[in-house]
Amino acid sequence: MSDTIDHQNAERLAALLQILVAATPEEETAVPIDMLDGYLTALICGPVVVTPIQAMDALFGEDWADALDEQDATEEFMSVLHERWNEIADSLEPEALAANPEAMQLTPLITEFDEATKADLLSQGVLTAEQLEQLPPNGLMWVEGFMQAVDDFEEAWYIFDSESEEAQMLDAMLMSVAAVAMAPGEQREAYIAEAYDEGEEVDQDVLLDDALFSAQDLRLFWIQQSDDEAANDDAGPDA
């Protein structure tokens, strides 16, 4: 992967996001930075032009800035959020993706818990052994954010006849992303058997890597759809 992350900015974004997480009512699910990052990425990949503020409204409700306002942190939050938005957009620049489709350009913000980190958390008493077992698989929260954005704007995403080549391509790419969130079991094994060569070792990291490539492919897919639509409009009704 290309390292397109300003780590200091990402750390500040995560810290400020904790203000919103802390203000989340108990009956609602808090949005971690992984989920926010996946949501932003889907918006940039997708067919509609939106802004980071619209993402915040969708994820946190229209009053999301209140908790930040109380700490006079809204302006800084918007600054670091836009910085991250621009990083994602730069990594998904269509010409670079098309020029080298085998290269991983996307660098997601994903919280990883390797064995050393887990051991530290356990020894420090931050998490119990039971809680460690309940940590989400690598990339799960990022993918949940990505797919939520697709669902939130489904009228713009699912515009093709179900039998069309475009619909089948779109479904395949989205399934590749969604596979990261599949729990171990029959559904996951059936997907792997269909999507991968027999005998190929497919673990969570392989699924995540392929999901990120699919996100890049989705960016090019929707650019192509936009270009085709523009060409048809230019050709006129008799084309």
C-alpha atoms as a PDB file:
ATOM      1  CA  MET A   1       0.000   0.000   0.000  1.00  0.00           C
ATOM      2  CA  SER A   2       1.144   3.527  -0.620  1.00  0.00           C
ATOM      3  CA  ASP A   3       1.502   5.508   2.588  1.00  0.00           C
ATOM      4  CA  THR A   4      -0.824   8.456   2.018  1.00  0.00           C
ATOM      5  CA  ILE A   5      -1.697   9.003   5.666  1.00  0.00           C
ATOM      6  CA  ASP A   6      -0.683  12.056   7.643  1.00  0.00           C
ATOM      7  CA  HIS A   7      -0.384  10.104  10.879  1.00  0.00           C
ATOM      8  CA  GLN A   8      -0.466  13.161  13.106  1.00  0.00           C
ATOM      9  CA  ASN A   9      -3.692  14.297  11.437  1.00  0.00           C
ATOM     10  CA  ALA A  10      -5.172  10.808  11.743  1.00  0.00           C
ATOM     11  CA  GLU A  11      -4.339  10.647  15.445  1.00  0.00           C
ATOM     12  CA  ARG A  12      -5.955  14.045  16.010  1.00  0.00           C
ATOM     13  CA  LEU A  13      -9.042  12.970  14.077  1.00  0.00           C
ATOM     14  CA  ALA A  14      -9.315   9.858  16.235  1.00  0.00           C
ATOM     15  CA  ALA A  15      -8.904  11.903  19.426  1.00  0.00           C
ATOM     16  CA  LEU A  16     -11.575  14.425  18.452  1.00  0.00           C
ATOM     17  CA  LEU A  17     -13.888  11.653  17.309  1.00  0.00           C
ATOM     18  CA  GLN A  18     -13.755  10.303  20.846  1.00  0.00           C
ATOM     19  CA  ILE A  19     -15.686  13.405  21.940  1.00  0.00           C
ATOM     20  CA  LEU A  20     -18.536  12.273  19.702  1.00  0.00           C
ATOM     21  CA  VAL A  21     -18.192   8.657  20.805  1.00  0.00           C
ATOM     22  CA  ALA A  22     -18.417   9.735  24.446  1.00  0.00           C
ATOM     23  CA  ALA A  23     -21.561  11.729  23.673  1.00  0.00           C
ATOM     24  CA  THR A  24     -23.279   8.820  21.929  1.00  0.00           C
ATOM     25  CA  PRO A  25     -26.399   7.688  23.848  1.00  0.00           C
ATOM     26  CA  GLU A  26     -26.117   4.219  25.364  1.00  0.00           C
ATOM     27  CA  GLU A  27     -28.910   2.870  23.191  1.00  0.00           C
ATOM     28  CA  GLU A  28     -27.054   3.879  20.013  1.00  0.00           C
ATOM     29  CA  THR A  29     -23.937   2.329  18.491  1.00  0.00           C
ATOM     30  CA  ALA A  30     -20.837   4.505  18.676  1.00  0.00           C
ATOM     31  CA  VAL A  31     -19.001   5.156  15.415  1.00  0.00           C
ATOM     32  CA  PRO A  32     -15.257   4.365  15.618  1.00  0.00           C
ATOM     33  CA  ILE A  33     -12.730   5.943  13.267  1.00  0.00           C
ATOM     34  CA  ASP A  34     -12.561   2.753  11.185  1.00  0.00           C
ATOM     35  CA  MET A  35     -16.258   3.016  10.368  1.00  0.00           C
ATOM     36  CA  LEU A  36     -16.038   6.737   9.624  1.00  0.00           C
ATOM     37  CA  ASP A  37     -13.097   6.126   7.290  1.00  0.00           C
ATOM     38  CA  GLY A  38     -14.911   3.355   5.429  1.00  0.00           C
ATOM     39  CA  TYR A  39     -17.976   5.561   5.076  1.00  0.00           C
ATOM     40  CA  LEU A  40     -15.946   8.440   3.661  1.00  0.00           C
ATOM     41  CA  THR A  41     -14.201   6.100   1.241  1.00  0.00           C
ATOM     42  CA  ALA A  42     -17.483   4.747  -0.108  1.00  0.00           C
ATOM     43  CA  LEU A  43     -18.765   8.271  -0.664  1.00  0.00           C
ATOM     44  CA  ILE A  44     -15.671   9.149  -2.689  1.00  0.00           C
ATOM     45  CA  CYS A  45     -15.848   5.869  -4.634  1.00  0.00           C
ATOM     46  CA  GLY A  46     -19.536   6.160  -5.366  1.00  0.00           C
ATOM     47  CA  PRO A  47     -21.871   7.768  -7.872  1.00  0.00           C
ATOM     48  CA  VAL A  48     -23.058  10.787  -5.876  1.00  0.00           C
ATOM     49  CA  VAL A  49     -21.251  14.013  -5.059  1.00  0.00           C
ATOM     50  CA  VAL A  50     -21.387  14.566  -1.308  1.00  0.00           C
ATOM     51  CA  THR A  51     -19.394  16.339   1.379  1.00  0.00           C
ATOM     52  CA  PRO A  52     -17.790  15.234   4.634  1.00  0.00           C
ATOM     53  CA  ILE A  53     -20.478  17.165   6.529  1.00  0.00           C
ATOM     54  CA  GLN A  54     -23.160  15.022   4.889  1.00  0.00           C
ATOM     55  CA  ALA A  55     -21.274  11.959   6.090  1.00  0.00           C
ATOM     56  CA  MET A  56     -21.274  13.297   9.639  1.00  0.00           C
ATOM     57  CA  ASP A  57     -24.999  14.073   9.448  1.00  0.00           C
ATOM     58  CA  ALA A  58     -25.714  10.533   8.251  1.00  0.00           C
ATOM     59  CA  LEU A  59     -23.564   8.824  10.873  1.00  0.00           C
ATOM     60  CA  PHE A  60     -24.179  11.013  13.918  1.00  0.00           C
ATOM     61  CA  GLY A  61     -27.385  12.951  13.231  1.00  0.00           C
ATOM     62  CA  GLU A  62     -27.736  16.622  12.397  1.00  0.00           C
ATOM     63  CA  ASP A  63     -26.806  17.747  15.935  1.00  0.00           C
ATOM     64  CA  TRP A  64     -23.461  15.951  15.863  1.00  0.00           C
ATOM     65  CA  ALA A  65     -21.429  19.155  16.284  1.00  0.00           C
ATOM     66  CA  ASP A  66     -23.002  20.031  19.649  1.00  0.00           C
ATOM     67  CA  ALA A  67     -20.542  17.925  21.658  1.00  0.00           C
ATOM     68  CA  LEU A  68     -17.610  19.439  19.779  1.00  0.00           C
ATOM     69  CA  ASP A  69     -19.002  22.969  20.184  1.00  0.00           C
ATOM     70  CA  GLU A  70     -19.025  22.491  23.957  1.00  0.00           C
ATOM     71  CA  GLN A  71     -15.249  21.994  23.822  1.00  0.00           C
ATOM     72  CA  ASP A  72     -14.679  24.618  21.114  1.00  0.00           C
ATOM     73  CA  ALA A  73     -13.342  21.829  18.897  1.00  0.00           C
ATOM     74  CA  THR A  74     -15.668  21.890  15.877  1.00  0.00           C
ATOM     75  CA  GLU A  75     -13.416  23.991  13.662  1.00  0.00           C
ATOM     76  CA  GLU A  76     -10.390  21.793  14.350  1.00  0.00           C
ATOM     77  CA  PHE A  77     -12.438  18.653  13.804  1.00  0.00           C
ATOM     78  CA  MET A  78     -13.640  19.884  10.414  1.00  0.00           C
ATOM     79  CA  SER A  79     -10.081  20.756   9.471  1.00  0.00           C
ATOM     80  CA  VAL A  80      -8.679  17.297  10.226  1.00  0.00           C
ATOM     81  CA  LEU A  81     -11.748  15.614   8.731  1.00  0.00           C
ATOM     82  CA  HIS A  82     -11.310  17.481   5.434  1.00  0.00           C
ATOM     83  CA  GLU A  83      -7.603  16.625   5.465  1.00  0.00           C
ATOM     84  CA  ARG A  84      -8.468  12.933   5.707  1.00  0.00           C
ATOM     85  CA  TRP A  85     -11.161  13.304   3.035  1.00  0.00           C
ATOM     86  CA  ASN A  86      -8.608  14.821   0.667  1.00  0.00           C
ATOM     87  CA  GLU A  87      -6.116  12.030   1.420  1.00  0.00           C
ATOM     88  CA  ILE A  88      -8.678   9.396   0.438  1.00  0.00           C
ATOM     89  CA  ALA A  89      -9.650  11.330  -2.689  1.00  0.00           C
ATOM     90  CA  ASP A  90      -5.997  11.673  -3.717  1.00  0.00           C
ATOM     91  CA  SER A  91      -5.387   7.952  -3.261  1.00  0.00           C
ATOM     92  CA  LEU A  92      -8.416   7.223  -5.460  1.00  0.00           C
ATOM     93  CA  GLU A  93      -7.365   9.593  -8.247  1.00  0.00           C
ATOM     94  CA  PRO A  94      -8.739   7.844 -11.358  1.00  0.00           C
ATOM     95  CA  GLU A  95      -5.770   8.372 -13.680  1.00  0.00           C
ATOM     96  CA  ALA A  96      -3.350   6.794 -11.201  1.00  0.00           C
ATOM     97  CA  LEU A  97      -5.697   3.858 -10.574  1.00  0.00           C
ATOM     98  CA  ALA A  98      -6.183   3.243 -14.285  1.00  0.00           C
ATOM     99  CA  ALA A  99      -2.464   3.538 -15.023  1.00  0.00           C
ATOM    100  CA  ASN A 100      -1.515   0.879 -12.483  1.00  0.00           C
ATOM    101  CA  PRO A 101      -4.549  -1.232 -11.520  1.00  0.00           C
ATOM    102  CA  GLU A 102      -2.406  -3.833  -9.740  1.00  0.00           C
ATOM    103  CA  ALA A 103      -1.064  -1.273  -7.241  1.00  0.00           C
ATOM    104  CA  MET A 104      -2.686  -0.707  -3.872  1.00  0.00           C
ATOM    105  CA  GLN A 105      -3.201   3.037  -3.602  1.00  0.00           C
ATOM    106  CA  LEU A 106      -5.751   3.077  -0.805  1.00  0.00           C
ATOM    107  CA  THR A 107      -4.488   3.293   2.767  1.00  0.00           C
ATOM    108  CA  PRO A 108      -7.440   2.882   5.158  1.00  0.00           C
ATOM    109  CA  LEU A 109      -7.558   3.897   8.794  1.00  0.00           C
ATOM    110  CA  ILE A 110      -8.022   0.483  10.368  1.00  0.00           C
ATOM    111  CA  THR A 111      -7.374  -0.338  13.998  1.00  0.00           C
ATOM    112  CA  GLU A 112      -5.275  -3.482  14.050  1.00  0.00           C
ATOM    113  CA  PHE A 113      -4.836  -5.705  17.052  1.00  0.00           C
ATOM    114  CA  ASP A 114      -1.814  -7.903  16.413  1.00  0.00           C
ATOM    115  CA  GLU A 115      -0.752 -10.493  18.957  1.00  0.00           C
ATOM    116  CA  ALA A 116       1.788  -8.165  20.603  1.00  0.00           C
ATOM    117  CA  THR A 117      -0.828  -5.433  21.011  1.00  0.00           C
ATOM    118  CA  LYS A 118      -3.305  -7.913  22.451  1.00  0.00           C
ATOM    119  CA  ALA A 119      -0.693  -9.144  24.930  1.00  0.00           C
ATOM    120  CA  ASP A 120       0.021  -5.565  26.039  1.00  0.00           C
ATOM    121  CA  LEU A 121      -3.670  -4.785  26.478  1.00  0.00           C
ATOM    122  CA  LEU A 122      -4.104  -7.938  28.539  1.00  0.00           C
ATOM    123  CA  SER A 123      -1.032  -7.368  30.722  1.00  0.00           C
ATOM    124  CA  GLN A 124      -2.016  -3.751  31.363  1.00  0.00           C
ATOM    125  CA  GLY A 125      -5.520  -4.791  32.372  1.00  0.00           C
ATOM    126  CA  VAL A 126      -7.078  -2.657  29.640  1.00  0.00           C
ATOM    127  CA  LEU A 127      -9.013  -5.650  28.317  1.00  0.00           C
ATOM    128  CA  THR A 128      -9.811  -9.067  29.744  1.00  0.00           C
ATOM    129  CA  ALA A 129      -9.128 -12.291  27.877  1.00  0.00           C
ATOM    130  CA  GLU A 130     -12.854 -12.562  27.157  1.00  0.00           C
ATOM    131  CA  GLN A 131     -12.954  -9.034  25.737  1.00  0.00           C
ATOM    132  CA  LEU A 132      -9.923  -9.776  23.562  1.00  0.00           C
ATOM    133  CA  GLU A 133     -11.796 -12.701  22.056  1.00  0.00           C
ATOM    134  CA  GLN A 134     -14.630 -10.321  21.168  1.00  0.00           C
ATOM    135  CA  LEU A 135     -12.472  -7.815  19.274  1.00  0.00           C
ATOM    136  CA  PRO A 136     -13.753  -7.397  15.714  1.00  0.00           C
ATOM    137  CA  PRO A 137     -11.831  -9.088  12.905  1.00  0.00           C
ATOM    138  CA  ASN A 138      -9.357  -6.973  10.954  1.00  0.00           C
ATOM    139  CA  GLY A 139     -11.175  -4.522   8.675  1.00  0.00           C
ATOM    140  CA  LEU A 140     -14.686  -5.395   9.857  1.00  0.00           C
ATOM    141  CA  MET A 141     -15.590  -1.914  11.142  1.00  0.00           C
ATOM    142  CA  TRP A 142     -14.135  -0.198   8.048  1.00  0.00           C
ATOM    143  CA  VAL A 143     -16.229  -2.410   5.792  1.00  0.00           C
ATOM    144  CA  GLU A 144     -19.331  -1.829   7.904  1.00  0.00           C
ATOM    145  CA  GLY A 145     -18.862   1.903   7.361  1.00  0.00           C
ATOM    146  CA  PHE A 146     -18.334   1.431   3.633  1.00  0.00           C
ATOM    147  CA  MET A 147     -21.437  -0.707   3.209  1.00  0.00           C
ATOM    148  CA  GLN A 148     -23.545   1.623   5.361  1.00  0.00           C
ATOM    149  CA  ALA A 149     -22.722   4.466   2.960  1.00  0.00           C
ATOM    150  CA  VAL A 150     -23.782   2.264   0.046  1.00  0.00           C
ATOM    151  CA  ASP A 151     -27.065   1.512   1.833  1.00  0.00           C
ATOM    152  CA  ASP A 152     -27.642   5.156   2.741  1.00  0.00           C
ATOM    153  CA  PHE A 153     -27.331   6.151  -0.932  1.00  0.00           C
ATOM    154  CA  GLU A 154     -28.724   2.944  -2.431  1.00  0.00           C
ATOM    155  CA  GLU A 155     -30.992   4.763  -4.911  1.00  0.00           C
ATOM    156  CA  ALA A 156     -27.873   6.140  -6.597  1.00  0.00           C
ATOM    157  CA  TRP A 157     -25.881   2.892  -6.402  1.00  0.00           C
ATOM    158  CA  TYR A 158     -28.470   0.370  -7.566  1.00  0.00           C
ATOM    159  CA  ILE A 159     -29.568   1.919 -10.854  1.00  0.00           C
ATOM    160  CA  PHE A 160     -28.963  -0.966 -13.256  1.00  0.00           C
ATOM    161  CA  ASP A 161     -31.260  -3.669 -14.505  1.00  0.00           C
ATOM    162  CA  SER A 162     -30.489  -6.746 -12.410  1.00  0.00           C
ATOM    163  CA  GLU A 163     -29.649  -8.804 -15.503  1.00  0.00           C
ATOM    164  CA  SER A 164     -27.267  -6.227 -16.975  1.00  0.00           C
ATOM    165  CA  GLU A 165     -23.510  -6.631 -17.144  1.00  0.00           C
ATOM    166  CA  GLU A 166     -23.115  -3.455 -15.077  1.00  0.00           C
ATOM    167  CA  ALA A 167     -25.307  -4.828 -12.291  1.00  0.00           C
ATOM    168  CA  GLN A 168     -23.334  -8.072 -12.195  1.00  0.00           C
ATOM    169  CA  MET A 169     -20.028  -6.213 -12.073  1.00  0.00           C
ATOM    170  CA  LEU A 170     -21.307  -3.961  -9.291  1.00  0.00           C
ATOM    171  CA  ASP A 171     -22.627  -6.900  -7.278  1.00  0.00           C
ATOM    172  CA  ALA A 172     -19.314  -8.740  -7.573  1.00  0.00           C
ATOM    173  CA  MET A 173     -17.310  -5.746  -6.359  1.00  0.00           C
ATOM    174  CA  LEU A 174     -19.674  -5.040  -3.466  1.00  0.00           C
ATOM    175  CA  MET A 175     -19.694  -8.704  -2.472  1.00  0.00           C
ATOM    176  CA  SER A 176     -15.903  -8.616  -2.363  1.00  0.00           C
ATOM    177  CA  VAL A 177     -16.106  -5.723   0.099  1.00  0.00           C
ATOM    178  CA  ALA A 178     -18.928  -7.235   2.168  1.00  0.00           C
ATOM    179  CA  ALA A 179     -17.092 -10.571   2.454  1.00  0.00           C
ATOM    180  CA  VAL A 180     -14.757  -9.031   5.042  1.00  0.00           C
ATOM    181  CA  ALA A 181     -17.713  -8.804   7.425  1.00  0.00           C
ATOM    182  CA  MET A 182     -18.882 -12.390   6.915  1.00  0.00           C
ATOM    183  CA  ALA A 183     -18.668 -14.445  10.074  1.00  0.00           C
ATOM    184  CA  PRO A 184     -16.844 -17.771   9.855  1.00  0.00           C
ATOM    185  CA  GLY A 185     -19.286 -20.378   8.650  1.00  0.00           C
ATOM    186  CA  GLU A 186     -21.087 -21.771   5.629  1.00  0.00           C
ATOM    187  CA  GLN A 187     -21.809 -18.455   3.900  1.00  0.00           C
ATOM    188  CA  ARG A 188     -18.199 -17.326   4.123  1.00  0.00           C
ATOM    189  CA  GLU A 189     -16.858 -20.694   2.987  1.00  0.00           C
ATOM    190  CA  ALA A 190     -19.292 -20.775   0.063  1.00  0.00           C
ATOM    191  CA  TYR A 191     -18.193 -17.301  -1.024  1.00  0.00           C
ATOM    192  CA  ILE A 192     -14.501 -18.227  -0.822  1.00  0.00           C
ATOM    193  CA  ALA A 193     -15.101 -21.451  -2.774  1.00  0.00           C
ATOM    194  CA  GLU A 194     -16.828 -19.489  -5.539  1.00  0.00           C
ATOM    195  CA  ALA A 195     -14.565 -16.443  -5.652  1.00  0.00           C
ATOM    196  CA  TYR A 196     -11.127 -18.024  -5.232  1.00  0.00           C
ATOM    197  CA  ASP A 197      -9.156 -20.832  -6.809  1.00  0.00           C
ATOM    198  CA  GLU A 198      -9.311 -24.229  -5.152  1.00  0.00           C
ATOM    199  CA  GLY A 199      -6.585 -24.653  -2.560  1.00  0.00           C
ATOM    200  CA  GLU A 200      -5.892 -20.924  -2.291  1.00  0.00           C
ATOM    201  CA  GLU A 201      -5.261 -19.803   1.285  1.00  0.00           C
ATOM    202  CA  VAL A 202      -7.882 -17.140   2.053  1.00  0.00           C
ATOM    203  CA  ASP A 203      -7.879 -15.561   5.500  1.00  0.00           C
ATOM    204  CA  GLN A 204      -9.229 -12.274   6.866  1.00  0.00           C
ATOM    205  CA  ASP A 205      -6.242 -10.287   5.585  1.00  0.00           C
ATOM    206  CA  VAL A 206      -6.655 -11.658   2.048  1.00  0.00           C
ATOM    207  CA  LEU A 207     -10.349 -10.736   2.078  1.00  0.00           C
ATOM    208  CA  LEU A 208      -9.546  -7.234   3.318  1.00  0.00           C
ATOM    209  CA  ASP A 209      -6.827  -6.723   0.715  1.00  0.00           C
ATOM    210  CA  ASP A 210      -9.212  -7.742  -2.049  1.00  0.00           C
ATOM    211  CA  ALA A 211     -11.930  -5.508  -0.605  1.00  0.00           C
ATOM    212  CA  LEU A 212      -9.619  -2.514  -0.883  1.00  0.00           C
ATOM    213  CA  PHE A 213      -8.834  -3.387  -4.498  1.00  0.00           C
ATOM    214  CA  SER A 214     -12.569  -3.627  -5.113  1.00  0.00           C
ATOM    215  CA  ALA A 215     -13.027  -0.167  -3.621  1.00  0.00           C
ATOM    216  CA  GLN A 216     -10.484   1.138  -6.122  1.00  0.00           C
ATOM    217  CA  ASP A 217     -12.307  -0.707  -8.912  1.00  0.00           C
ATOM    218  CA  LEU A 218     -15.589   0.827  -7.795  1.00  0.00           C
ATOM    219  CA  ARG A 219     -14.092   4.292  -8.135  1.00  0.00           C
ATOM    220  CA  LEU A 220     -13.141   3.561 -11.755  1.00  0.00           C
ATOM    221  CA  PHE A 221     -16.471   1.832 -12.396  1.00  0.00           C
ATOM    222  CA  TRP A 222     -18.510   4.880 -11.413  1.00  0.00           C
ATOM    223  CA  ILE A 223     -16.192   7.238 -13.283  1.00  0.00           C
ATOM    224  CA  GLN A 224     -16.790   5.115 -16.393  1.00  0.00           C
ATOM    225  CA  GLN A 225     -20.547   5.179 -15.867  1.00  0.00           C
ATOM    226  CA  SER A 226     -20.429   8.964 -15.574  1.00  0.00           C
ATOM    227  CA  ASP A 227     -18.318   9.242 -18.724  1.00  0.00           C
ATOM    228  CA  ASP A 228     -20.702   6.958 -20.646  1.00  0.00           C
ATOM    229  CA  GLU A 229     -23.704   8.969 -19.509  1.00  0.00           C
ATOM    230  CA  ALA A 230     -22.029  12.218 -20.554  1.00  0.00           C
ATOM    231  CA  ALA A 231     -21.156  10.749 -23.963  1.00  0.00           C
ATOM    232  CA  ASN A 232     -24.753   9.646 -24.492  1.00  0.00           C
ATOM    233  CA  ASP A 233     -26.013  13.087 -23.534  1.00  0.00           C
ATOM    234  CA  ASP A 234     -23.606  14.715 -26.004  1.00  0.00           C
ATOM    235  CA  ALA A 235     -24.686  12.347 -28.762  1.00  0.00           C
ATOM    236  CA  GLY A 236     -28.270  13.508 -28.449  1.00  0.00           C
ATOM    237  CA  PRO A 237     -31.572  11.586 -28.582  1.00  0.00           C
ATOM    238  CA  ASP A 238     -31.034  10.252 -32.104  1.00  0.00           C
ATOM    239  CA  ALA A 239     -27.667   8.627 -31.365  1.00  0.00           C
END
